[in-house]
Amino acid sequence: MEQMVGEIRLFAFTSFVPQGWLKCDGSLYNWQSYQPLYALIGNIYGGNAQQNTFAVPDLTGAEPDPHMMYCISYTGDWPVRP
C-alpha cells in the first residue's frame, strides 16, 4: 500500500529524508511545489498564503528515540472520506 498524502510516519533513521516525504520540523515551503499536501493542511501549521508559503508540523523532540524522525508525505494516494 502506498502512503497517503498528508500521512505522518516515524522513520528509524535521521541520515536522509526519503523521496516523497518532508521532515516534520516546522519548515516553510512554497505551496506551489507541494500542492496536494497544501490542499490538505493549508496554513494550519504556519506560513502565509499571501507569500505562497505553508509550514509542515513541527514534531521535533516528539520522537521516541533521537535516532528517529517524523516525516509527512507529499505524494501518494489521496485520502477519501468514507
PDB file of N, CA and C in Angstrom:
ATOM      1  N   MET A   1       0.841  -1.187   0.000  1.00  0.00           N
ATOM      2  CA  MET A   1       0.000   0.000   0.000  1.00  0.00           C
ATOM      3  C   MET A   1       0.882   1.245   0.000  1.00  0.00           C
ATOM      4  N   GLU A   2       0.607   2.130  -0.925  1.00  0.00           N
ATOM      5  CA  GLU A   2       1.345   3.386  -0.998  1.00  0.00           C
ATOM      6  C   GLU A   2       0.871   4.319   0.116  1.00  0.00           C
ATOM      7  N   GLN A   3       1.767   5.186   0.546  1.00  0.00           N
ATOM      8  CA  GLN A   3       1.379   6.153   1.581  1.00  0.00           C
ATOM      9  C   GLN A   3       0.326   7.105   1.044  1.00  0.00           C
ATOM     10  N   MET A   4      -0.371   7.744   1.961  1.00  0.00           N
ATOM     11  CA  MET A   4      -1.376   8.741   1.597  1.00  0.00           C
ATOM     12  C   MET A   4      -0.773  10.135   1.737  1.00  0.00           C
ATOM     13  N   VAL A   5      -1.216  11.052   0.907  1.00  0.00           N
ATOM     14  CA  VAL A   5      -0.788  12.443   1.036  1.00  0.00           C
ATOM     15  C   VAL A   5      -1.190  12.925   2.430  1.00  0.00           C
ATOM     16  N   GLY A   6      -0.247  13.519   3.145  1.00  0.00           N
ATOM     17  CA  GLY A   6      -0.512  14.028   4.488  1.00  0.00           C
ATOM     18  C   GLY A   6      -0.255  13.028   5.593  1.00  0.00           C
ATOM     19  N   GLU A   7       0.063  11.791   5.230  1.00  0.00           N
ATOM     20  CA  GLU A   7       0.358  10.771   6.245  1.00  0.00           C
ATOM     21  C   GLU A   7       1.653  11.124   6.967  1.00  0.00           C
ATOM     22  N   ILE A   8       1.657  10.987   8.273  1.00  0.00           N
ATOM     23  CA  ILE A   8       2.867  11.204   9.062  1.00  0.00           C
ATOM     24  C   ILE A   8       3.371   9.849   9.510  1.00  0.00           C
ATOM     25  N   ARG A   9       4.667   9.619   9.285  1.00  0.00           N
ATOM     26  CA  ARG A   9       5.265   8.323   9.600  1.00  0.00           C
ATOM     27  C   ARG A   9       6.571   8.537  10.353  1.00  0.00           C
ATOM     28  N   LEU A  10       6.856   7.625  11.265  1.00  0.00           N
ATOM     29  CA  LEU A  10       8.099   7.649  12.027  1.00  0.00           C
ATOM     30  C   LEU A  10       9.119   6.768  11.318  1.00  0.00           C
ATOM     31  N   PHE A  11      10.286   7.328  11.011  1.00  0.00           N
ATOM     32  CA  PHE A  11      11.360   6.579  10.361  1.00  0.00           C
ATOM     33  C   PHE A  11      12.478   6.312  11.355  1.00  0.00           C
ATOM     34  N   ALA A  12      13.085   5.139  11.235  1.00  0.00           N
ATOM     35  CA  ALA A  12      14.115   4.700  12.183  1.00  0.00           C
ATOM     36  C   ALA A  12      15.516   5.121  11.742  1.00  0.00           C
ATOM     37  N   PHE A  13      15.632   6.305  11.191  1.00  0.00           N
ATOM     38  CA  PHE A  13      16.924   6.855  10.783  1.00  0.00           C
ATOM     39  C   PHE A  13      16.779   8.361  10.661  1.00  0.00           C
ATOM     40  N   THR A  14      17.888   9.072  10.674  1.00  0.00           N
ATOM     41  CA  THR A  14      17.866  10.532  10.506  1.00  0.00           C
ATOM     42  C   THR A  14      18.873  10.998   9.461  1.00  0.00           C
ATOM     43  N   SER A  15      19.522  10.056   8.778  1.00  0.00           N
ATOM     44  CA  SER A  15      20.585  10.420   7.845  1.00  0.00           C
ATOM     45  C   SER A  15      20.069  11.028   6.542  1.00  0.00           C
ATOM     46  N   PHE A  16      18.806  10.775   6.183  1.00  0.00           N
ATOM     47  CA  PHE A  16      18.223  11.363   4.979  1.00  0.00           C
ATOM     48  C   PHE A  16      16.706  11.312   5.095  1.00  0.00           C
ATOM     49  N   VAL A  17      16.037  12.143   4.301  1.00  0.00           N
ATOM     50  CA  VAL A  17      14.574  12.139   4.233  1.00  0.00           C
ATOM     51  C   VAL A  17      14.195  11.389   2.956  1.00  0.00           C
ATOM     52  N   PRO A  18      13.364  10.352   3.061  1.00  0.00           N
ATOM     53  CA  PRO A  18      13.004   9.572   1.877  1.00  0.00           C
ATOM     54  C   PRO A  18      12.295  10.417   0.813  1.00  0.00           C
ATOM     55  N   GLN A  19      12.437  10.006  -0.440  1.00  0.00           N
ATOM     56  CA  GLN A  19      11.776  10.691  -1.544  1.00  0.00           C
ATOM     57  C   GLN A  19      10.266  10.651  -1.333  1.00  0.00           C
ATOM     58  N   GLY A  20       9.606  11.769  -1.553  1.00  0.00           N
ATOM     59  CA  GLY A  20       8.160  11.861  -1.388  1.00  0.00           C
ATOM     60  C   GLY A  20       7.731  12.282   0.009  1.00  0.00           C
ATOM     61  N   TRP A  21       8.705  12.572   0.871  1.00  0.00           N
ATOM     62  CA  TRP A  21       8.430  12.936   2.266  1.00  0.00           C
ATOM     63  C   TRP A  21       9.148  14.227   2.615  1.00  0.00           C
ATOM     64  N   LEU A  22       8.627  14.955   3.611  1.00  0.00           N
ATOM     65  CA  LEU A  22       9.271  16.140   4.171  1.00  0.00           C
ATOM     66  C   LEU A  22       9.408  15.920   5.668  1.00  0.00           C
ATOM     67  N   LYS A  23      10.524  16.333   6.224  1.00  0.00           N
ATOM     68  CA  LYS A  23      10.741  16.187   7.662  1.00  0.00           C
ATOM     69  C   LYS A  23       9.771  17.091   8.423  1.00  0.00           C
ATOM     70  N   CYS A  24       9.175  16.555   9.474  1.00  0.00           N
ATOM     71  CA  CYS A  24       8.235  17.320  10.310  1.00  0.00           C
ATOM     72  C   CYS A  24       9.020  18.162  11.309  1.00  0.00           C
ATOM     73  N   ASP A  25       9.575  19.267  10.812  1.00  0.00           N
ATOM     74  CA  ASP A  25      10.405  20.128  11.655  1.00  0.00           C
ATOM     75  C   ASP A  25       9.938  21.583  11.647  1.00  0.00           C
ATOM     76  N   GLY A  26       8.720  21.817  11.150  1.00  0.00           N
ATOM     77  CA  GLY A  26       8.175  23.168  11.127  1.00  0.00           C
ATOM     78  C   GLY A  26       8.669  24.032   9.980  1.00  0.00           C
ATOM     79  N   SER A  27       9.402  23.451   9.039  1.00  0.00           N
ATOM     80  CA  SER A  27       9.952  24.229   7.921  1.00  0.00           C
ATOM     81  C   SER A  27       8.848  24.807   7.040  1.00  0.00           C
ATOM     82  N   LEU A  28       9.182  25.942   6.404  1.00  0.00           N
ATOM     83  CA  LEU A  28       8.286  26.586   5.445  1.00  0.00           C
ATOM     84  C   LEU A  28       8.626  26.120   4.038  1.00  0.00           C
ATOM     85  N   TYR A  29       7.582  25.938   3.227  1.00  0.00           N
ATOM     86  CA  TYR A  29       7.750  25.527   1.835  1.00  0.00           C
ATOM     87  C   TYR A  29       6.829  26.358   0.961  1.00  0.00           C
ATOM     88  N   ASN A  30       7.175  26.456  -0.320  1.00  0.00           N
ATOM     89  CA  ASN A  30       6.317  27.113  -1.289  1.00  0.00           C
ATOM     90  C   ASN A  30       5.179  26.152  -1.619  1.00  0.00           C
ATOM     91  N   TRP A  31       3.941  26.594  -1.449  1.00  0.00           N
ATOM     92  CA  TRP A  31       2.815  25.676  -1.641  1.00  0.00           C
ATOM     93  C   TRP A  31       2.703  25.198  -3.081  1.00  0.00           C
ATOM     94  N   GLN A  32       3.208  25.976  -4.027  1.00  0.00           N
ATOM     95  CA  GLN A  32       3.119  25.573  -5.427  1.00  0.00           C
ATOM     96  C   GLN A  32       3.978  24.347  -5.721  1.00  0.00           C
ATOM     97  N   SER A  33       4.992  24.106  -4.898  1.00  0.00           N
ATOM     98  CA  SER A  33       5.851  22.932  -5.079  1.00  0.00           C
ATOM     99  C   SER A  33       5.239  21.671  -4.482  1.00  0.00           C
ATOM    100  N   TYR A  34       4.286  21.841  -3.572  1.00  0.00           N
ATOM    101  CA  TYR A  34       3.685  20.705  -2.857  1.00  0.00           C
ATOM    102  C   TYR A  34       2.169  20.891  -2.788  1.00  0.00           C
ATOM    103  N   GLN A  35       1.532  21.115  -3.937  1.00  0.00           N
ATOM    104  CA  GLN A  35       0.109  21.458  -3.989  1.00  0.00           C
ATOM    105  C   GLN A  35      -0.814  20.437  -3.322  1.00  0.00           C
ATOM    106  N   PRO A  36      -0.634  19.114  -3.535  1.00  0.00           N
ATOM    107  CA  PRO A  36      -1.550  18.168  -2.875  1.00  0.00           C
ATOM    108  C   PRO A  36      -1.483  18.254  -1.346  1.00  0.00           C
ATOM    109  N   LEU A  37      -0.285  18.362  -0.794  1.00  0.00           N
ATOM    110  CA  LEU A  37      -0.153  18.462   0.659  1.00  0.00           C
ATOM    111  C   LEU A  37      -0.755  19.773   1.157  1.00  0.00           C
ATOM    112  N   TYR A  38      -0.489  20.859   0.454  1.00  0.00           N
ATOM    113  CA  TYR A  38      -1.049  22.155   0.849  1.00  0.00           C
ATOM    114  C   TYR A  38      -2.578  22.126   0.802  1.00  0.00           C
ATOM    115  N   ALA A  39      -3.139  21.423  -0.186  1.00  0.00           N
ATOM    116  CA  ALA A  39      -4.600  21.332  -0.283  1.00  0.00           C
ATOM    117  C   ALA A  39      -5.204  20.671   0.954  1.00  0.00           C
ATOM    118  N   LEU A  40      -4.452  19.787   1.594  1.00  0.00           N
ATOM    119  CA  LEU A  40      -4.947  19.112   2.799  1.00  0.00           C
ATOM    120  C   LEU A  40      -4.729  19.912   4.070  1.00  0.00           C
ATOM    121  N   ILE A  41      -3.521  20.463   4.245  1.00  0.00           N
ATOM    122  CA  ILE A  41      -3.205  21.088   5.540  1.00  0.00           C
ATOM    123  C   ILE A  41      -3.210  22.610   5.506  1.00  0.00           C
ATOM    124  N   GLY A  42      -3.174  23.197   4.322  1.00  0.00           N
ATOM    125  CA  GLY A  42      -3.205  24.660   4.227  1.00  0.00           C
ATOM    126  C   GLY A  42      -2.171  25.315   5.126  1.00  0.00           C
ATOM    127  N   ASN A  43      -2.594  26.331   5.858  1.00  0.00           N
ATOM    128  CA  ASN A  43      -1.684  27.068   6.740  1.00  0.00           C
ATOM    129  C   ASN A  43      -1.934  26.752   8.217  1.00  0.00           C
ATOM    130  N   ILE A  44      -2.468  25.566   8.492  1.00  0.00           N
ATOM    131  CA  ILE A  44      -2.743  25.149   9.876  1.00  0.00           C
ATOM    132  C   ILE A  44      -1.493  25.244  10.747  1.00  0.00           C
ATOM    133  N   TYR A  45      -0.343  24.856  10.213  1.00  0.00           N
ATOM    134  CA  TYR A  45       0.897  24.803  10.997  1.00  0.00           C
ATOM    135  C   TYR A  45       1.788  26.021  10.787  1.00  0.00           C
ATOM    136  N   GLY A  46       1.309  27.002  10.031  1.00  0.00           N
ATOM    137  CA  GLY A  46       2.084  28.216   9.808  1.00  0.00           C
ATOM    138  C   GLY A  46       2.230  28.522   8.334  1.00  0.00           C
ATOM    139  N   GLY A  47       3.001  29.543   8.059  1.00  0.00           N
ATOM    140  CA  GLY A  47       3.165  30.007   6.696  1.00  0.00           C
ATOM    141  C   GLY A  47       2.222  31.168   6.424  1.00  0.00           C
ATOM    142  N   ASN A  48       2.229  31.629   5.190  1.00  0.00           N
ATOM    143  CA  ASN A  48       1.445  32.797   4.820  1.00  0.00           C
ATOM    144  C   ASN A  48       0.937  32.606   3.395  1.00  0.00           C
ATOM    145  N   ALA A  49      -0.371  32.502   3.243  1.00  0.00           N
ATOM    146  CA  ALA A  49      -0.955  32.273   1.924  1.00  0.00           C
ATOM    147  C   ALA A  49      -0.599  33.390   0.946  1.00  0.00           C
ATOM    148  N   GLN A  50      -0.521  34.649   1.419  1.00  0.00           N
ATOM    149  CA  GLN A  50      -0.177  35.766   0.540  1.00  0.00           C
ATOM    150  C   GLN A  50       1.268  35.667   0.042  1.00  0.00           C
ATOM    151  N   GLN A  51       2.123  34.994   0.807  1.00  0.00           N
ATOM    152  CA  GLN A  51       3.519  34.806   0.398  1.00  0.00           C
ATOM    153  C   GLN A  51       3.744  33.431  -0.219  1.00  0.00           C
ATOM    154  N   ASN A  52       2.651  32.699  -0.467  1.00  0.00           N
ATOM    155  CA  ASN A  52       2.704  31.368  -1.085  1.00  0.00           C
ATOM    156  C   ASN A  52       3.479  30.351  -0.264  1.00  0.00           C
ATOM    157  N   THR A  53       3.446  30.474   1.067  1.00  0.00           N
ATOM    158  CA  THR A  53       4.170  29.525   1.909  1.00  0.00           C
ATOM    159  C   THR A  53       3.221  28.802   2.861  1.00  0.00           C
ATOM    160  N   PHE A  54       3.644  27.619   3.258  1.00  0.00           N
ATOM    161  CA  PHE A  54       2.957  26.863   4.297  1.00  0.00           C
ATOM    162  C   PHE A  54       4.021  26.126   5.096  1.00  0.00           C
ATOM    163  N   ALA A  55       3.670  25.726   6.304  1.00  0.00           N
ATOM    164  CA  ALA A  55       4.609  25.010   7.170  1.00  0.00           C
ATOM    165  C   ALA A  55       4.116  23.591   7.401  1.00  0.00           C
ATOM    166  N   VAL A  56       5.074  22.703   7.564  1.00  0.00           N
ATOM    167  CA  VAL A  56       4.746  21.335   7.983  1.00  0.00           C
ATOM    168  C   VAL A  56       4.724  21.310   9.510  1.00  0.00           C
ATOM    169  N   PRO A  57       4.094  20.306  10.112  1.00  0.00           N
ATOM    170  CA  PRO A  57       4.081  20.239  11.577  1.00  0.00           C
ATOM    171  C   PRO A  57       5.498  20.146  12.133  1.00  0.00           C
ATOM    172  N   ASP A  58       5.692  20.660  13.323  1.00  0.00           N
ATOM    173  CA  ASP A  58       6.992  20.552  13.995  1.00  0.00           C
ATOM    174  C   ASP A  58       6.880  19.485  15.080  1.00  0.00           C
ATOM    175  N   LEU A  59       7.369  18.301  14.776  1.00  0.00           N
ATOM    176  CA  LEU A  59       7.353  17.190  15.729  1.00  0.00           C
ATOM    177  C   LEU A  59       8.746  16.916  16.277  1.00  0.00           C
ATOM    178  N   THR A  60       9.639  17.892  16.126  1.00  0.00           N
ATOM    179  CA  THR A  60      10.992  17.765  16.654  1.00  0.00           C
ATOM    180  C   THR A  60      10.925  17.568  18.161  1.00  0.00           C
ATOM    181  N   GLY A  61      11.598  16.550  18.645  1.00  0.00           N
ATOM    182  CA  GLY A  61      11.612  16.247  20.074  1.00  0.00           C
ATOM    183  C   GLY A  61      10.518  15.292  20.500  1.00  0.00           C
ATOM    184  N   ALA A  62       9.572  14.996  19.617  1.00  0.00           N
ATOM    185  CA  ALA A  62       8.491  14.063  19.952  1.00  0.00           C
ATOM    186  C   ALA A  62       8.856  12.615  19.629  1.00  0.00           C
ATOM    187  N   GLU A  63       9.996  12.426  18.974  1.00  0.00           N
ATOM    188  CA  GLU A  63      10.417  11.084  18.596  1.00  0.00           C
ATOM    189  C   GLU A  63      10.725  10.259  19.847  1.00  0.00           C
ATOM    190  N   PRO A  64      10.419   8.948  19.826  1.00  0.00           N
ATOM    191  CA  PRO A  64      10.722   8.105  20.987  1.00  0.00           C
ATOM    192  C   PRO A  64      12.216   7.839  21.161  1.00  0.00           C
ATOM    193  N   ASP A  65      13.007   8.139  20.132  1.00  0.00           N
ATOM    194  CA  ASP A  65      14.453   7.901  20.160  1.00  0.00           C
ATOM    195  C   ASP A  65      15.115   8.992  19.325  1.00  0.00           C
ATOM    196  N   PRO A  66      16.266   9.520  19.746  1.00  0.00           N
ATOM    197  CA  PRO A  66      16.903  10.602  18.979  1.00  0.00           C
ATOM    198  C   PRO A  66      17.414  10.174  17.599  1.00  0.00           C
ATOM    199  N   HIS A  67      17.440   8.879  17.329  1.00  0.00           N
ATOM    200  CA  HIS A  67      17.890   8.391  16.024  1.00  0.00           C
ATOM    201  C   HIS A  67      16.714   8.125  15.087  1.00  0.00           C
ATOM    202  N   MET A  68      15.560   8.695  15.418  1.00  0.00           N
ATOM    203  CA  MET A  68      14.354   8.541  14.604  1.00  0.00           C
ATOM    204  C   MET A  68      13.833   9.926  14.227  1.00  0.00           C
ATOM    205  N   MET A  69      12.963   9.982  13.204  1.00  0.00           N
ATOM    206  CA  MET A  69      12.364  11.258  12.816  1.00  0.00           C
ATOM    207  C   MET A  69      10.982  11.033  12.227  1.00  0.00           C
ATOM    208  N   TYR A  70      10.122  12.039  12.411  1.00  0.00           N
ATOM    209  CA  TYR A  70       8.800  12.038  11.805  1.00  0.00           C
ATOM    210  C   TYR A  70       8.862  12.784  10.479  1.00  0.00           C
ATOM    211  N   CYS A  71       8.168  12.231   9.468  1.00  0.00           N
ATOM    212  CA  CYS A  71       8.074  12.877   8.164  1.00  0.00           C
ATOM    213  C   CYS A  71       6.621  12.852   7.710  1.00  0.00           C
ATOM    214  N   ILE A  72       6.267  13.814   6.851  1.00  0.00           N
ATOM    215  CA  ILE A  72       4.919  13.895   6.292  1.00  0.00           C
ATOM    216  C   ILE A  72       5.010  13.687   4.783  1.00  0.00           C
ATOM    217  N   SER A  73       4.099  12.891   4.248  1.00  0.00           N
ATOM    218  CA  SER A  73       4.117  12.553   2.827  1.00  0.00           C
ATOM    219  C   SER A  73       3.484  13.661   1.987  1.00  0.00           C
ATOM    220  N   TYR A  74       4.140  13.984   0.877  1.00  0.00           N
ATOM    221  CA  TYR A  74       3.546  14.932  -0.066  1.00  0.00           C
ATOM    222  C   TYR A  74       3.155  14.247  -1.374  1.00  0.00           C
ATOM    223  N   THR A  75       3.336  12.938  -1.445  1.00  0.00           N
ATOM    224  CA  THR A  75       2.911  12.155  -2.609  1.00  0.00           C
ATOM    225  C   THR A  75       2.140  10.937  -2.113  1.00  0.00           C
ATOM    226  N   GLY A  76       1.486  10.264  -3.020  1.00  0.00           N
ATOM    227  CA  GLY A  76       0.779   9.035  -2.669  1.00  0.00           C
ATOM    228  C   GLY A  76      -0.697   9.126  -2.990  1.00  0.00           C
ATOM    229  N   ASP A  77      -1.448   8.241  -2.358  1.00  0.00           N
ATOM    230  CA  ASP A  77      -2.892   8.194  -2.570  1.00  0.00           C
ATOM    231  C   ASP A  77      -3.563   9.389  -1.899  1.00  0.00           C
ATOM    232  N   TRP A  78      -4.650   9.836  -2.509  1.00  0.00           N
ATOM    233  CA  TRP A  78      -5.425  10.932  -1.937  1.00  0.00           C
ATOM    234  C   TRP A  78      -6.409  10.342  -0.935  1.00  0.00           C
ATOM    235  N   PRO A  79      -6.442  10.869   0.303  1.00  0.00           N
ATOM    236  CA  PRO A  79      -7.383  10.330   1.287  1.00  0.00           C
ATOM    237  C   PRO A  79      -8.834  10.582   0.859  1.00  0.00           C
ATOM    238  N   VAL A  80      -9.637   9.545   0.935  1.00  0.00           N
ATOM    239  CA  VAL A  80     -11.048   9.635   0.548  1.00  0.00           C
ATOM    240  C   VAL A  80     -11.903   9.453   1.794  1.00  0.00           C
ATOM    241  N   ARG A  81     -12.869  10.321   1.962  1.00  0.00           N
ATOM    242  CA  ARG A  81     -13.778  10.199   3.115  1.00  0.00           C
ATOM    243  C   ARG A  81     -14.740   9.048   2.881  1.00  0.00           C
ATOM    244  N   PRO A  82     -15.061   8.317   3.958  1.00  0.00           N
ATOM    245  CA  PRO A  82     -15.998   7.187   3.794  1.00  0.00           C
ATOM    246  C   PRO A  82     -17.404   7.659   3.469  1.00  0.00           C
TER     247      PRO A  82
END
